[in-house]
Protein backbone atom coordinates (compact mmCIF):
# COMPACT_ATOMS: atom_id res chain seq x y z
CA UNK A 1 69.51 108.14 139.07
CA UNK A 2 69.21 107.74 135.31
CA UNK A 3 68.36 104.25 134.09
CA UNK A 4 71.70 103.56 132.33
CA UNK A 5 73.51 104.54 135.56
CA UNK A 6 71.73 101.84 137.59
CA UNK A 7 74.14 99.10 138.72
CA UNK A 8 71.97 96.33 137.24
CA UNK A 9 71.76 98.12 133.88
CA UNK A 10 75.51 98.72 133.81
CA UNK A 11 76.20 95.07 134.62
CA UNK A 12 73.74 93.96 131.94
CA UNK A 13 75.25 96.21 129.26
CA UNK A 14 78.77 95.07 130.25
CA UNK A 15 77.69 91.44 129.82
CA UNK A 16 76.22 92.22 126.39
CA UNK A 17 79.38 94.06 125.36
CA UNK A 18 81.58 91.17 126.49
CA UNK A 19 79.43 88.60 124.68
CA UNK A 20 79.36 90.75 121.53
CA UNK A 21 83.15 91.24 121.45
CA UNK A 22 83.52 89.48 118.06
CA UNK A 23 81.24 92.08 116.45
CA UNK A 24 82.64 94.98 114.48
CA UNK A 25 83.27 97.79 117.04
CA UNK A 26 80.87 100.18 115.27
CA UNK A 27 78.10 97.58 115.20
CA UNK A 28 78.73 96.69 118.86
CA UNK A 29 78.49 100.38 119.87
CA UNK A 30 75.26 100.69 117.90
CA UNK A 31 73.81 97.62 119.64
CA UNK A 32 74.70 98.99 123.09
CA UNK A 33 73.24 102.42 122.26
CA UNK A 34 69.99 100.78 121.10
CA UNK A 35 69.79 98.75 124.30
CA UNK A 36 70.43 101.83 126.48
CA UNK A 37 67.71 103.76 124.67
CA UNK A 38 65.25 100.87 124.98
CA UNK A 39 65.96 100.55 128.70
CA UNK A 40 65.54 104.31 129.25
CA UNK A 41 62.23 104.38 127.38
CA UNK A 42 60.94 101.28 129.19
CA UNK A 43 61.86 102.67 132.58
CA UNK A 44 60.45 106.11 131.74
CA UNK A 45 57.10 104.44 131.02
CA UNK A 46 57.20 102.53 134.32
CA UNK A 47 55.57 103.94 137.44
CA UNK A 48 58.61 103.29 139.63
CA UNK A 49 62.32 102.76 139.06
CA UNK A 50 62.99 100.38 141.88
CA UNK A 51 65.21 97.31 141.53
CA UNK A 52 62.28 95.01 140.75
CA UNK A 53 61.20 97.23 137.83
CA UNK A 54 64.74 97.37 136.44
CA UNK A 55 65.03 93.58 136.71
CA UNK A 56 61.70 93.17 134.90
CA UNK A 57 62.77 95.46 132.03
CA UNK A 58 66.07 93.61 131.68
CA UNK A 59 64.30 90.24 131.79
CA UNK A 60 62.04 91.37 128.93
CA UNK A 61 65.11 92.13 126.83
CA UNK A 62 66.48 88.63 127.32
CA UNK A 63 69.82 87.16 128.28
CA UNK A 64 72.90 89.17 127.24
CA UNK A 65 74.34 86.10 125.50
CA UNK A 66 71.14 85.67 123.47
CA UNK A 67 71.19 89.33 122.39
CA UNK A 68 74.83 89.07 121.38
CA UNK A 69 74.19 85.79 119.53
CA UNK A 70 71.35 87.38 117.57
CA UNK A 71 73.52 90.37 116.67
CA UNK A 72 76.36 88.08 115.60
CA UNK A 73 73.96 86.03 113.47
CA UNK A 74 72.85 89.20 111.66
CA UNK A 75 76.41 90.49 111.19
CA UNK A 76 77.88 90.12 107.71
CA UNK A 77 80.32 87.28 107.42
CA UNK A 78 83.83 88.61 106.91
CA UNK A 79 86.08 86.03 105.27
CA UNK A 80 89.31 85.45 107.15
CA UNK A 81 92.42 87.07 105.77
CA UNK A 82 94.31 84.72 103.51
CA UNK A 83 97.23 82.96 105.12
CA UNK A 84 100.49 84.10 103.55
CA UNK A 85 102.13 81.43 101.46
CA UNK A 86 104.45 79.31 103.61
CA UNK A 87 106.61 78.38 100.63
CA UNK A 88 107.20 82.04 99.80
CA UNK A 89 108.03 82.82 103.43
CA UNK A 90 110.58 80.00 103.60
CA UNK A 91 112.04 80.94 100.22
CA UNK A 92 112.48 84.56 101.35
CA UNK A 93 114.30 83.48 104.50
CA UNK A 94 116.48 80.98 102.63
CA UNK A 95 117.51 83.47 99.94
CA UNK A 96 118.38 86.12 102.54
CA UNK A 97 120.36 83.60 104.61
CA UNK A 98 122.37 82.69 101.50
CA UNK A 99 123.43 86.25 100.65
CA UNK A 100 126.64 86.04 102.72
CA UNK A 101 127.71 82.59 101.51
CA UNK A 102 126.77 83.57 97.93
CA UNK A 103 129.22 86.44 98.20
CA UNK A 104 132.00 84.07 99.22
CA UNK A 105 131.20 81.36 96.68
CA UNK A 106 129.95 83.24 93.64
CA UNK A 107 131.46 86.66 94.09
CA UNK A 108 129.85 90.08 93.78
CA UNK A 109 127.43 89.12 91.02
CA UNK A 110 125.97 86.24 93.06
CA UNK A 111 125.69 88.52 96.09
CA UNK A 112 123.87 91.25 94.16
CA UNK A 113 121.53 88.69 92.59
CA UNK A 114 120.73 86.96 95.91
CA UNK A 115 120.30 90.31 97.70
CA UNK A 116 118.02 91.66 94.97
CA UNK A 117 115.80 88.57 94.95
CA UNK A 118 115.77 88.43 98.77
CA UNK A 119 114.90 92.11 99.14
CA UNK A 120 112.13 91.85 96.55
CA UNK A 121 110.59 88.83 98.27
CA UNK A 122 110.92 90.46 101.68
CA UNK A 123 109.51 93.84 100.68
CA UNK A 124 106.47 92.36 98.92
CA UNK A 125 105.66 89.80 101.60
CA UNK A 126 102.54 90.34 103.73
CA UNK A 127 104.02 88.15 106.48
CA UNK A 128 106.15 90.76 108.26
CA UNK A 129 105.58 94.29 109.52
CA UNK A 130 107.66 97.09 107.98
CA UNK A 131 109.77 97.22 111.14
CA UNK A 132 110.48 93.47 111.03
CA UNK A 133 111.37 93.75 107.35
CA UNK A 134 113.79 96.58 108.08
CA UNK A 135 115.49 94.74 110.96
CA UNK A 136 115.75 91.40 109.17
CA UNK A 137 116.82 92.94 105.88
CA UNK A 138 119.44 95.20 107.48
CA UNK A 139 120.92 92.41 109.58
CA UNK A 140 120.96 90.05 106.62
CA UNK A 141 122.44 92.43 104.05
CA UNK A 142 124.61 94.90 105.99
CA UNK A 143 127.91 93.04 106.10
CA UNK A 144 127.76 91.45 102.63
CA UNK A 145 127.10 94.89 101.14
CA UNK A 146 129.92 96.37 103.20
CA UNK A 147 132.31 93.65 102.03
CA UNK A 148 131.24 94.20 98.44
CA UNK A 149 131.88 97.93 98.72
CA UNK A 150 135.23 97.33 100.45
CA UNK A 151 136.22 94.87 97.71
CA UNK A 152 135.27 97.36 95.02
CA UNK A 153 137.24 100.09 96.80
CA UNK A 154 140.32 97.84 96.89
CA UNK A 155 140.67 97.32 100.63
CA UNK A 156 143.44 94.75 100.23
CA UNK A 157 145.31 95.83 103.34
CA UNK A 158 143.46 93.43 105.66
CA UNK A 159 145.48 90.86 107.55
CA UNK A 160 144.54 87.17 107.67
CA UNK A 161 142.88 87.51 111.10
CA UNK A 162 140.70 90.43 110.05
CA UNK A 163 139.83 88.71 106.81
CA UNK A 164 138.77 85.50 108.59
CA UNK A 165 136.72 87.51 111.08
CA UNK A 166 134.94 89.39 108.29
CA UNK A 167 134.30 86.20 106.34
CA UNK A 168 132.88 84.51 109.43
CA UNK A 169 130.64 87.48 110.15
CA UNK A 170 129.65 87.51 106.48
CA UNK A 171 128.07 84.10 107.03
CA UNK A 172 126.87 84.61 110.61
CA UNK A 173 125.01 87.94 110.26
CA UNK A 174 122.81 86.89 107.30
CA UNK A 175 121.95 83.70 109.15
CA UNK A 176 121.02 85.72 112.26
CA UNK A 177 118.87 88.05 110.14
CA UNK A 178 117.16 85.06 108.56
CA UNK A 179 116.64 83.54 112.03
CA UNK A 180 115.00 86.78 113.19
CA UNK A 181 112.65 86.67 110.21
CA UNK A 182 111.95 82.98 110.83
CA UNK A 183 111.02 83.62 114.48
CA UNK A 184 108.69 86.47 113.60
CA UNK A 185 107.12 84.69 110.60
CA UNK A 186 104.75 82.74 112.85
CA UNK A 187 103.81 85.74 114.99
CA UNK A 188 100.20 86.65 114.23
CA UNK A 189 99.90 90.12 112.81
CA UNK A 190 97.25 92.43 114.26
CA UNK A 191 94.26 92.97 112.03
CA UNK A 192 94.08 96.40 110.44
CA UNK A 193 91.60 98.75 112.08
CA UNK A 194 88.38 99.29 110.18
CA UNK A 195 87.33 102.80 109.34
C-alpha cells in the first residue's frame, strides 16, 4: 500500500483540504501535493509502514487546521469585489418599471427615452447576469414596444375592451419585469473562476 493510499493519510489530507477551502484552488492543490510528497518521503525513510509510523509522520506535520491556517496566512489578500451601487440598481428598476406608464402619459417620445435609459442602465449594470438582464428587459419592454409599433402602424381598429386590456398589460408587464429584477438584485452572483 502506497503511503497516500493509507486510510489515515487520506483522512489527514481530506481534513487539510477542508480547512484550506478558502484558499485559491491552485494554491490548495499545490499544498496538498507538497504534503503528499512529504508524507511519501518520510514513510520511505521509515523502517516500517505500520499504523504507528504513519501516525508519527502525520503528528510531525502538525494539525490539519494549523497547516491550513499557515497557508492562508501566506496567501495574498484578495480584496473583495466592490458591491454594486444600490442607488443605481434601484434607479434601473424604477426607470424600467416606468416605461409602460411613460408610454401612456408622455407618448412615444417618453417611452423611447425611458426605454433607452433603462436599457443602458440595465446592460451596463454588474448586478445581474446576462440571462437575468434579458428576462427582465424583455418582460419590461416587450408590450410597450409592441404598442408603440402598433400605434405607428395605425392599428386604430381596436375595440374599447381590447384597448383597456392592452393598456392594463402595458402597466402590469413592466412592473412584473421590474419585480423580477428587484428579486434577483439581492441574489449573490458567483465569483468568476480564476485562470
